[in-house]
Amino acid sequence: METAKQKAAFYRTAVLPTQQVVTDQTLLRYNGMFVGVFDLLIARQEQIDSGRDYIEALDDYWEARTELERVLGRRLPPGELRPSSLE
């Protein structure tokens, strides 16, 4: 569960912001006519793929958490591992 949590946090804090910067910079380069439309589309597709991977990482975390709660036979404290605390 901890590994899944760290993976989701990595996507949220590192991968997604980096992909946003790449897409923004590619758009600027496209507007300046330095790259073509296909380069812009590739950058946007990579950003979308990163978002999908982040969602999958969150899914893995919640599945692991649910499995841990099932094995323990009790619910984990809600304040301990809320989705907003995945940083």
C-alpha atoms as a PDB file:
ATOM      1  CA  MET A   1       0.000   0.000   0.000  1.00  0.00           C
ATOM      2  CA  GLU A   2       2.826   2.385   0.815  1.00  0.00           C
ATOM      3  CA  THR A   3       4.455   1.778  -2.574  1.00  0.00           C
ATOM      4  CA  ALA A   4       1.182   2.488  -4.354  1.00  0.00           C
ATOM      5  CA  LYS A   5       0.781   5.654  -2.290  1.00  0.00           C
ATOM      6  CA  GLN A   6       4.285   6.835  -3.168  1.00  0.00           C
ATOM      7  CA  LYS A   7       3.727   6.097  -6.844  1.00  0.00           C
ATOM      8  CA  ALA A   8       0.500   8.131  -6.896  1.00  0.00           C
ATOM      9  CA  ALA A   9       2.219  10.967  -5.039  1.00  0.00           C
ATOM     10  CA  PHE A  10       5.091  10.922  -7.532  1.00  0.00           C
ATOM     11  CA  TYR A  11       2.672  11.245 -10.422  1.00  0.00           C
ATOM     12  CA  ARG A  12       0.813  14.097  -8.740  1.00  0.00           C
ATOM     13  CA  THR A  13       3.874  16.068  -7.634  1.00  0.00           C
ATOM     14  CA  ALA A  14       6.373  15.368 -10.435  1.00  0.00           C
ATOM     15  CA  VAL A  15       4.999  13.757 -13.573  1.00  0.00           C
ATOM     16  CA  LEU A  16       1.764  15.707 -14.065  1.00  0.00           C
ATOM     17  CA  PRO A  17       3.288  19.163 -13.522  1.00  0.00           C
ATOM     18  CA  THR A  18       6.218  18.289 -15.807  1.00  0.00           C
ATOM     19  CA  GLN A  19       3.880  17.101 -18.546  1.00  0.00           C
ATOM     20  CA  GLN A  20       1.898  20.338 -18.214  1.00  0.00           C
ATOM     21  CA  VAL A  21       5.082  22.370 -18.690  1.00  0.00           C
ATOM     22  CA  VAL A  22       6.087  20.276 -21.704  1.00  0.00           C
ATOM     23  CA  THR A  23       2.669  20.761 -23.298  1.00  0.00           C
ATOM     24  CA  ASP A  24       2.693  24.506 -22.581  1.00  0.00           C
ATOM     25  CA  GLN A  25       6.193  24.912 -24.002  1.00  0.00           C
ATOM     26  CA  THR A  26       5.306  22.871 -27.087  1.00  0.00           C
ATOM     27  CA  LEU A  27       2.268  25.080 -27.624  1.00  0.00           C
ATOM     28  CA  LEU A  28       4.485  28.160 -27.443  1.00  0.00           C
ATOM     29  CA  ARG A  29       6.886  26.605 -29.935  1.00  0.00           C
ATOM     30  CA  TYR A  30       3.950  25.703 -32.179  1.00  0.00           C
ATOM     31  CA  ASN A  31       2.639  29.271 -32.008  1.00  0.00           C
ATOM     32  CA  GLY A  32       6.115  30.475 -32.988  1.00  0.00           C
ATOM     33  CA  MET A  33       6.089  28.030 -35.913  1.00  0.00           C
ATOM     34  CA  PHE A  34       9.101  26.111 -34.583  1.00  0.00           C
ATOM     35  CA  VAL A  35       7.281  22.765 -34.362  1.00  0.00           C
ATOM     36  CA  GLY A  36       4.435  21.238 -36.290  1.00  0.00           C
ATOM     37  CA  VAL A  37       0.947  20.283 -35.269  1.00  0.00           C
ATOM     38  CA  PHE A  38       1.946  16.639 -34.839  1.00  0.00           C
ATOM     39  CA  ASP A  39       4.548  17.580 -32.220  1.00  0.00           C
ATOM     40  CA  LEU A  40       1.855  19.475 -30.350  1.00  0.00           C
ATOM     41  CA  LEU A  41      -0.516  16.522 -30.587  1.00  0.00           C
ATOM     42  CA  ILE A  42       2.174  14.147 -29.320  1.00  0.00           C
ATOM     43  CA  ALA A  43       2.874  16.407 -26.331  1.00  0.00           C
ATOM     44  CA  ARG A  44      -0.823  16.574 -25.508  1.00  0.00           C
ATOM     45  CA  GLN A  45      -1.200  12.789 -25.892  1.00  0.00           C
ATOM     46  CA  GLU A  46       1.698  12.237 -23.496  1.00  0.00           C
ATOM     47  CA  GLN A  47       0.028  14.569 -21.016  1.00  0.00           C
ATOM     48  CA  ILE A  48      -3.216  12.603 -21.320  1.00  0.00           C
ATOM     49  CA  ASP A  49      -1.325   9.317 -20.911  1.00  0.00           C
ATOM     50  CA  SER A  50       0.317  10.643 -17.739  1.00  0.00           C
ATOM     51  CA  GLY A  51      -3.084  11.590 -16.359  1.00  0.00           C
ATOM     52  CA  ARG A  52      -4.373   8.106 -17.098  1.00  0.00           C
ATOM     53  CA  ASP A  53      -1.320   6.567 -15.410  1.00  0.00           C
ATOM     54  CA  TYR A  54      -1.953   8.759 -12.354  1.00  0.00           C
ATOM     55  CA  ILE A  55      -5.538   7.550 -12.156  1.00  0.00           C
ATOM     56  CA  GLU A  56      -4.339   3.953 -12.414  1.00  0.00           C
ATOM     57  CA  ALA A  57      -1.834   4.596  -9.615  1.00  0.00           C
ATOM     58  CA  LEU A  58      -4.638   5.998  -7.448  1.00  0.00           C
ATOM     59  CA  ASP A  59      -6.732   2.947  -8.244  1.00  0.00           C
ATOM     60  CA  ASP A  60      -3.855   0.666  -7.196  1.00  0.00           C
ATOM     61  CA  TYR A  61      -3.514   2.591  -3.929  1.00  0.00           C
ATOM     62  CA  TRP A  62      -7.202   2.332  -3.066  1.00  0.00           C
ATOM     63  CA  GLU A  63      -7.297  -1.351  -3.958  1.00  0.00           C
ATOM     64  CA  ALA A  64      -4.278  -1.998  -1.725  1.00  0.00           C
ATOM     65  CA  ARG A  65      -5.832   0.032   1.088  1.00  0.00           C
ATOM     66  CA  THR A  66      -9.108  -1.853   0.783  1.00  0.00           C
ATOM     67  CA  GLU A  67      -7.279  -5.176   0.824  1.00  0.00           C
ATOM     68  CA  LEU A  68      -5.323  -4.152   3.922  1.00  0.00           C
ATOM     69  CA  GLU A  69      -8.532  -3.133   5.682  1.00  0.00           C
ATOM     70  CA  ARG A  70     -10.065  -6.496   4.733  1.00  0.00           C
ATOM     71  CA  VAL A  71      -7.065  -8.402   6.100  1.00  0.00           C
ATOM     72  CA  LEU A  72      -6.995  -6.361   9.305  1.00  0.00           C
ATOM     73  CA  GLY A  73     -10.739  -6.706   9.721  1.00  0.00           C
ATOM     74  CA  ARG A  74     -11.170  -3.030  10.456  1.00  0.00           C
ATOM     75  CA  ARG A  75     -11.137   0.310   8.730  1.00  0.00           C
ATOM     76  CA  LEU A  76      -8.008   2.439   8.728  1.00  0.00           C
ATOM     77  CA  PRO A  77      -8.303   5.889  10.288  1.00  0.00           C
ATOM     78  CA  PRO A  78      -9.655   8.285   7.660  1.00  0.00           C
ATOM     79  CA  GLY A  79      -7.236  11.094   8.549  1.00  0.00           C
ATOM     80  CA  GLU A  80      -4.228   8.879   8.009  1.00  0.00           C
ATOM     81  CA  LEU A  81      -4.467   8.221   4.269  1.00  0.00           C
ATOM     82  CA  ARG A  82      -6.971  10.536   2.642  1.00  0.00           C
ATOM     83  CA  PRO A  83      -6.599  11.088  -1.140  1.00  0.00           C
ATOM     84  CA  SER A  84      -5.592  14.698  -0.474  1.00  0.00           C
ATOM     85  CA  SER A  85      -2.734  13.501   1.754  1.00  0.00           C
ATOM     86  CA  LEU A  86      -0.994  11.642  -1.088  1.00  0.00           C
ATOM     87  CA  GLU A  87       1.850  14.111  -1.235  1.00  0.00           C
END
